Amino acid sequence: MPVQFETFRTIIESNTRFVLTTHVNPDGDGLGTEVALAVYLQRQGKQATILNYSATPDNYSFLAQLHPILQFDPSKHAEIIENAEVIIILDTNQLDRLVTMKPVLLSSQAIKICIDHHLEPGEFADLFILDESSTSTGEIVYRLMSYLTGRSIDRETAISLYTAIMTDTGSFRYPKTDPETHKIIAHLIQTGADPVAIYEHVYERGSVNRVRLLGLALANMQMTHDGKIAYLVLTREMFDVTDTSEVDAEAFVPYTLTIDRVQIGLMFSETNGIVKISFRSKGDIWINELAKEFGGNGHKNAAGARIPHVQLNEIVSQVLEHAGSYII
């Protein structure tokens, strides 16, 4: 994408005040790419502010040590967005996923840049840097920064981008992972990313309550459609009794696909008047098409949706009914 990369360079060189943001309930890909670009911008003498709708999950707090990550407060931060010259939206191509930040962002006169790897982008940015074939937004940002710096990646950037790519590839086991991905990872390790430390930060520092929530979820896993669909249901009561939140359940849905013959895995999380649905599939099942039926989207084998004002049991029944038509 040399044309888009060169346009990005021109925008960077011509402006000073930057805001970076990512989707609600940010993951390693969104947070890692925000930090990587913010560090780069700061080293170019720019003002780079990371503002997210959601708080940063505890297991990604190590990224906030590389560059501050602020949770959006309209009374404190709306002016920062209004005064920004450039706003960079990472790891999402739908402004609805910025929640209450959306209207403030739309009213800003700043140049808007979207960097993402998801399907079907909305039309809101002045510059789109998109690649649906990439494993992650981290992989796109790696190529962008390599173009801008001649592959001169510093340690902080390496840590951030390794986190982004590792988390969005399921620790390098999802279908899009290829030799080029591993070449990128090798370069990031050579530059200072510590695979053991980063994995421990993200996956091995959870609370005991998170493990108890996982136990409840797995104990109540259900099978349907002749064992080809497995699903988890996390009720508000389960979160309350374990003193956890939906962030703690972020990595639970892949367990559904570890069962022999399962083609589709689903997880329903009931939180604060919203049911969050995580969709996963194997092989040639375009699970994002199922997610789209319920207002969501994502990738071929991984997608999500958030549905407000709905009864948990009703939406579970509806999704399972529709999911049956996707079984091969």
Protein backbone atom coordinates (compact mmCIF):
# COMPACT_ATOMS: atom_id res chain seq x y z
CA MET A 1 0.00 0.00 0.00
CA PRO A 2 2.73 2.51 -0.93
CA VAL A 3 0.27 5.23 -2.02
CA GLN A 4 -1.62 5.17 1.29
CA PHE A 5 1.62 4.91 3.25
CA GLU A 6 3.07 7.94 1.48
CA THR A 7 -0.14 9.90 2.09
CA PHE A 8 0.13 8.95 5.77
CA ARG A 9 3.72 10.25 5.83
CA THR A 10 2.63 13.57 4.33
CA ILE A 11 -0.13 13.96 6.92
CA ILE A 12 2.30 13.20 9.76
CA GLU A 13 4.85 15.69 8.51
CA SER A 14 2.24 18.44 8.08
CA ASN A 15 0.51 18.21 11.47
CA THR A 16 1.34 18.27 15.16
CA ARG A 17 -1.65 17.30 17.32
CA PHE A 18 -2.80 13.67 17.06
CA VAL A 19 -5.47 11.60 18.83
CA LEU A 20 -5.52 7.81 18.57
CA THR A 21 -8.46 5.59 19.51
CA THR A 22 -9.83 2.07 19.15
CA HIS A 23 -13.05 0.16 19.70
CA VAL A 24 -15.08 -0.40 22.87
CA ASN A 25 -13.59 -3.11 25.13
CA PRO A 26 -10.16 -2.82 23.50
CA ASP A 27 -8.06 -5.90 22.86
CA GLY A 28 -4.35 -6.44 22.30
CA ASP A 29 -4.55 -5.51 18.63
CA GLY A 30 -6.26 -2.18 19.20
CA LEU A 31 -4.15 -1.22 22.22
CA GLY A 32 -0.88 -2.47 20.76
CA THR A 33 -1.24 -0.53 17.53
CA GLU A 34 -2.30 2.62 19.39
CA VAL A 35 0.80 2.52 21.55
CA ALA A 36 3.13 1.66 18.67
CA LEU A 37 1.95 4.63 16.61
CA ALA A 38 1.82 6.99 19.60
CA VAL A 39 5.44 6.18 20.47
CA TYR A 40 6.45 6.76 16.85
CA LEU A 41 4.60 10.07 16.65
CA GLN A 42 6.09 11.29 19.91
CA ARG A 43 9.57 10.53 18.63
CA GLN A 44 8.79 12.65 15.59
CA GLY A 45 8.13 15.58 17.92
CA LYS A 46 4.33 15.29 17.72
CA GLN A 47 1.68 15.44 20.44
CA ALA A 48 0.05 12.01 20.60
CA THR A 49 -2.90 11.33 22.92
CA ILE A 50 -4.51 7.89 23.20
CA LEU A 51 -8.18 8.18 24.14
CA ASN A 52 -10.45 5.13 24.40
CA TYR A 53 -14.08 4.79 25.39
CA SER A 54 -13.31 1.80 27.65
CA ALA A 55 -10.77 1.40 30.40
CA THR A 56 -7.63 -0.57 29.61
CA PRO A 57 -7.92 -4.16 30.87
CA ASP A 58 -5.44 -5.03 33.63
CA ASN A 59 -3.65 -7.63 31.53
CA TYR A 60 -2.68 -4.89 29.04
CA SER A 61 -1.51 -2.37 31.64
CA PHE A 62 2.09 -3.04 30.61
CA LEU A 63 1.33 -1.28 27.31
CA ALA A 64 0.16 1.81 29.20
CA GLN A 65 3.64 1.93 30.76
CA LEU A 66 5.06 2.50 27.27
CA HIS A 67 2.64 5.35 26.54
CA PRO A 68 -0.31 6.71 28.59
CA ILE A 69 -3.75 5.37 27.60
CA LEU A 70 -6.64 7.55 28.78
CA GLN A 71 -10.28 6.57 29.26
CA PHE A 72 -12.55 9.07 27.55
CA ASP A 73 -14.32 11.57 29.80
CA PRO A 74 -16.33 14.15 27.81
CA SER A 75 -15.82 16.85 30.44
CA LYS A 76 -12.05 16.43 30.27
CA HIS A 77 -11.24 15.15 26.80
CA ALA A 78 -13.79 16.47 24.29
CA GLU A 79 -11.67 19.57 23.80
CA ILE A 80 -8.62 17.44 22.98
CA ILE A 81 -10.55 15.78 20.14
CA GLU A 82 -11.97 19.10 18.95
CA ASN A 83 -8.48 20.62 18.80
CA ALA A 84 -6.80 17.62 17.21
CA GLU A 85 -5.40 18.04 13.72
CA VAL A 86 -5.43 14.30 13.00
CA ILE A 87 -7.48 11.46 14.51
CA ILE A 88 -6.35 7.88 13.90
CA ILE A 89 -8.95 5.13 14.41
CA LEU A 90 -7.38 1.70 14.82
CA ASP A 91 -8.72 -1.87 14.63
CA THR A 92 -12.27 -0.87 13.82
CA ASN A 93 -13.89 0.53 10.69
CA GLN A 94 -17.28 1.30 12.26
CA LEU A 95 -17.70 4.49 14.30
CA ASP A 96 -20.54 2.97 16.32
CA ARG A 97 -17.85 0.93 18.09
CA LEU A 98 -16.50 4.17 19.58
CA VAL A 99 -19.81 4.58 21.48
CA THR A 100 -20.06 8.09 23.03
CA MET A 101 -16.85 9.21 21.34
CA LYS A 102 -18.52 8.96 17.92
CA PRO A 103 -20.41 12.31 17.86
CA VAL A 104 -17.42 14.19 19.25
CA LEU A 105 -15.17 12.64 16.64
CA LEU A 106 -17.59 13.37 13.81
CA SER A 107 -17.89 17.02 14.82
CA SER A 108 -14.11 17.44 14.84
CA GLN A 109 -12.54 19.08 11.79
CA ALA A 110 -9.46 16.88 12.15
CA ILE A 111 -8.17 14.70 9.33
CA LYS A 112 -9.45 11.19 10.03
CA ILE A 113 -7.40 8.09 9.29
CA CYS A 114 -8.69 4.52 9.65
CA ILE A 115 -6.24 1.61 9.88
CA ASP A 116 -7.95 -1.76 10.07
CA HIS A 117 -8.25 -5.35 8.80
CA HIS A 118 -11.99 -6.00 9.19
CA LEU A 119 -14.58 -6.42 6.46
CA GLU A 120 -17.02 -3.83 5.11
CA PRO A 121 -15.71 -0.45 6.33
CA GLY A 122 -17.98 2.50 6.93
CA GLU A 123 -17.40 5.74 5.03
CA PHE A 124 -16.06 8.27 7.52
CA ALA A 125 -12.30 8.67 7.05
CA ASP A 126 -10.20 10.89 4.81
CA LEU A 127 -7.61 8.13 4.51
CA PHE A 128 -8.25 4.40 4.79
CA ILE A 129 -5.34 2.00 5.24
CA LEU A 130 -7.13 -1.33 5.04
CA ASP A 131 -6.06 -4.91 4.38
CA GLU A 132 -8.63 -7.63 5.03
CA SER A 133 -6.03 -10.31 4.27
CA SER A 134 -3.80 -9.27 7.20
CA THR A 135 -3.87 -11.29 10.40
CA SER A 136 -4.25 -8.13 12.45
CA THR A 137 -4.12 -4.37 12.46
CA GLY A 138 -0.72 -4.89 14.08
CA GLU A 139 0.57 -6.47 10.90
CA ILE A 140 -0.61 -3.47 8.84
CA VAL A 141 0.97 -1.01 11.27
CA TYR A 142 4.22 -3.00 11.18
CA ARG A 143 4.35 -2.63 7.39
CA LEU A 144 3.44 1.05 7.65
CA MET A 145 6.16 1.76 10.22
CA SER A 146 8.71 -0.29 8.30
CA TYR A 147 7.93 1.88 5.26
CA LEU A 148 8.28 5.09 7.27
CA THR A 149 11.44 4.11 9.15
CA GLY A 150 13.25 1.74 6.81
CA ARG A 151 12.47 -1.18 9.16
CA SER A 152 14.08 0.65 12.08
CA ILE A 153 11.80 -0.63 14.85
CA ASP A 154 12.56 0.30 18.47
CA ARG A 155 11.97 -1.89 21.54
CA GLU A 156 8.73 -0.18 22.64
CA THR A 157 7.26 -0.53 19.17
CA ALA A 158 8.35 -4.16 18.98
CA ILE A 159 6.61 -4.98 22.27
CA SER A 160 3.42 -3.22 21.21
CA LEU A 161 3.21 -4.79 17.76
CA TYR A 162 4.15 -8.26 19.00
CA THR A 163 1.24 -7.99 21.47
CA ALA A 164 -1.11 -6.88 18.70
CA ILE A 165 -0.22 -9.71 16.34
CA MET A 166 0.05 -12.43 18.99
CA THR A 167 -3.41 -11.75 20.41
CA ASP A 168 -5.22 -11.40 17.08
CA THR A 169 -3.71 -14.60 15.68
CA GLY A 170 -4.66 -16.64 18.74
CA SER A 171 -0.95 -17.02 19.54
CA PHE A 172 -0.18 -17.73 15.86
CA ARG A 173 -2.72 -20.52 15.30
CA TYR A 174 -5.54 -18.86 13.36
CA PRO A 175 -5.87 -19.57 9.61
CA LYS A 176 -4.33 -16.34 8.27
CA THR A 177 -1.03 -16.98 10.06
CA ASP A 178 1.56 -17.61 7.35
CA PRO A 179 5.35 -17.51 6.82
CA GLU A 180 5.27 -13.72 6.41
CA THR A 181 3.63 -13.37 9.82
CA HIS A 182 6.44 -15.36 11.41
CA LYS A 183 9.07 -13.27 9.62
CA ILE A 184 7.50 -10.15 11.11
CA ILE A 185 7.43 -11.76 14.55
CA ALA A 186 11.08 -12.81 14.20
CA HIS A 187 12.03 -9.20 13.48
CA LEU A 188 10.05 -7.94 16.47
CA ILE A 189 11.76 -10.46 18.76
CA GLN A 190 15.16 -9.47 17.41
CA THR A 191 14.28 -5.85 18.16
CA GLY A 192 13.33 -6.43 21.79
CA ALA A 193 9.91 -8.09 22.11
CA ASP A 194 10.08 -10.82 24.76
CA PRO A 195 7.59 -13.59 23.79
CA VAL A 196 7.56 -15.18 27.24
CA ALA A 197 7.03 -11.93 29.15
CA ILE A 198 4.33 -10.66 26.78
CA TYR A 199 2.40 -13.95 26.86
CA GLU A 200 2.59 -13.98 30.67
CA HIS A 201 1.29 -10.40 30.87
CA VAL A 202 -1.66 -11.08 28.59
CA TYR A 203 -2.68 -14.64 29.50
CA GLU A 204 -1.12 -15.68 32.79
CA ARG A 205 -1.84 -12.85 35.21
CA GLY A 206 -5.58 -13.14 35.56
CA SER A 207 -7.36 -13.16 38.89
CA VAL A 208 -8.55 -16.29 40.67
CA ASN A 209 -12.09 -14.99 40.10
CA ARG A 210 -11.51 -15.09 36.35
CA VAL A 211 -10.60 -18.79 36.66
CA ARG A 212 -13.74 -19.39 38.71
CA LEU A 213 -15.81 -17.69 36.00
CA LEU A 214 -14.17 -19.93 33.39
CA GLY A 215 -15.05 -22.95 35.51
CA LEU A 216 -18.71 -21.92 35.63
CA ALA A 217 -18.73 -21.25 31.90
CA LEU A 218 -17.21 -24.61 30.95
CA ALA A 219 -19.35 -26.54 33.43
CA ASN A 220 -22.43 -25.14 31.72
CA MET A 221 -21.27 -25.52 28.12
CA GLN A 222 -24.03 -26.83 25.85
CA MET A 223 -23.97 -28.77 22.58
CA THR A 224 -26.56 -28.69 19.83
CA HIS A 225 -27.08 -29.55 16.15
CA ASP A 226 -25.73 -33.08 16.51
CA GLY A 227 -22.63 -31.88 18.33
CA LYS A 228 -21.56 -29.44 15.61
CA ILE A 229 -22.31 -26.30 17.62
CA ALA A 230 -21.00 -25.65 21.14
CA TYR A 231 -21.97 -22.59 23.14
CA LEU A 232 -21.34 -20.87 26.46
CA VAL A 233 -23.84 -18.67 28.29
CA LEU A 234 -22.49 -16.23 30.88
CA THR A 235 -25.32 -14.69 32.90
CA ARG A 236 -25.25 -11.49 34.89
CA GLU A 237 -25.48 -13.66 38.01
CA MET A 238 -22.31 -15.57 37.03
CA PHE A 239 -20.39 -12.31 36.69
CA ASP A 240 -21.77 -11.06 40.01
CA VAL A 241 -21.01 -14.20 42.01
CA THR A 242 -17.41 -14.26 40.75
CA ASP A 243 -16.97 -10.47 40.92
CA THR A 244 -15.86 -10.34 37.27
CA SER A 245 -16.80 -8.53 34.06
CA GLU A 246 -17.06 -9.35 30.36
CA VAL A 247 -13.40 -8.38 29.94
CA ASP A 248 -12.47 -11.40 32.07
CA ALA A 249 -14.28 -13.67 29.60
CA GLU A 250 -12.48 -12.29 26.55
CA ALA A 251 -10.59 -15.52 25.76
CA PHE A 252 -13.25 -18.08 26.70
CA VAL A 253 -15.01 -18.70 23.38
CA PRO A 254 -12.09 -20.58 21.71
CA TYR A 255 -12.66 -23.42 24.20
CA THR A 256 -15.82 -24.29 22.28
CA LEU A 257 -13.78 -25.18 19.21
CA THR A 258 -11.51 -27.60 21.09
CA ILE A 259 -14.25 -30.24 21.01
CA ASP A 260 -14.12 -32.83 18.25
CA ARG A 261 -16.66 -32.33 15.42
CA VAL A 262 -17.61 -28.80 16.56
CA GLN A 263 -17.77 -26.43 13.60
CA ILE A 264 -19.25 -23.36 15.29
CA GLY A 265 -18.55 -21.96 18.75
CA LEU A 266 -20.66 -19.27 20.39
CA MET A 267 -20.54 -17.34 23.64
CA PHE A 268 -23.32 -15.17 25.05
CA SER A 269 -22.39 -12.67 27.78
CA GLU A 270 -25.12 -10.78 29.66
CA THR A 271 -23.89 -7.42 30.98
CA ASN A 272 -25.56 -4.11 31.80
CA GLY A 273 -28.59 -4.42 29.53
CA ILE A 274 -26.55 -5.77 26.62
CA VAL A 275 -25.95 -9.29 25.37
CA LYS A 276 -22.54 -9.62 23.77
CA ILE A 277 -22.20 -12.52 21.34
CA SER A 278 -18.86 -13.97 20.26
CA PHE A 279 -18.91 -16.10 17.10
CA ARG A 280 -16.17 -18.55 16.06
CA SER A 281 -15.96 -21.15 13.32
CA LYS A 282 -13.65 -23.61 11.64
CA GLY A 283 -12.72 -24.02 8.01
CA ASP A 284 -14.89 -22.54 5.29
CA ILE A 285 -17.73 -21.29 7.50
CA TRP A 286 -18.19 -17.52 7.12
CA ILE A 287 -19.31 -16.88 10.67
CA ASN A 288 -19.27 -13.11 10.15
CA GLU A 289 -22.36 -13.57 7.97
CA LEU A 290 -24.19 -15.02 10.97
CA ALA A 291 -22.98 -12.12 13.11
CA LYS A 292 -24.31 -9.67 10.52
CA GLU A 293 -27.79 -11.15 10.93
CA PHE A 294 -27.67 -9.81 14.50
CA GLY A 295 -26.11 -6.42 13.78
CA GLY A 296 -22.49 -7.48 14.15
CA ASN A 297 -19.57 -8.28 11.86
CA GLY A 298 -15.96 -9.37 11.92
CA HIS A 299 -13.81 -11.90 10.10
CA LYS A 300 -14.54 -15.12 8.26
CA ASN A 301 -13.89 -17.30 11.34
CA ALA A 302 -14.25 -14.78 14.18
CA ALA A 303 -16.90 -12.12 14.68
CA GLY A 304 -19.01 -10.42 17.30
CA ALA A 305 -22.23 -8.55 17.99
CA ARG A 306 -23.65 -6.50 20.84
CA ILE A 307 -27.44 -6.47 21.22
CA PRO A 308 -29.15 -4.08 23.67
CA HIS A 309 -32.54 -4.49 25.33
CA VAL A 310 -32.99 -8.19 24.66
CA GLN A 311 -33.75 -11.19 26.84
CA LEU A 312 -30.80 -13.55 27.11
CA ASN A 313 -32.79 -16.77 26.56
CA GLU A 314 -34.58 -15.34 23.54
CA ILE A 315 -31.42 -14.26 21.74
CA VAL A 316 -29.68 -17.57 22.50
CA SER A 317 -32.57 -19.45 20.89
CA GLN A 318 -32.64 -17.16 17.86
CA VAL A 319 -28.90 -17.34 17.21
CA LEU A 320 -28.80 -21.13 17.57
CA GLU A 321 -31.68 -21.46 15.14
CA HIS A 322 -29.94 -19.30 12.55
CA ALA A 323 -26.54 -20.94 13.17
CA GLY A 324 -27.86 -24.28 12.01
CA SER A 325 -27.93 -23.10 8.39
CA TYR A 326 -24.17 -22.43 8.47
CA ILE A 327 -23.14 -25.99 9.37
CA ILE A 328 -21.35 -27.82 6.60
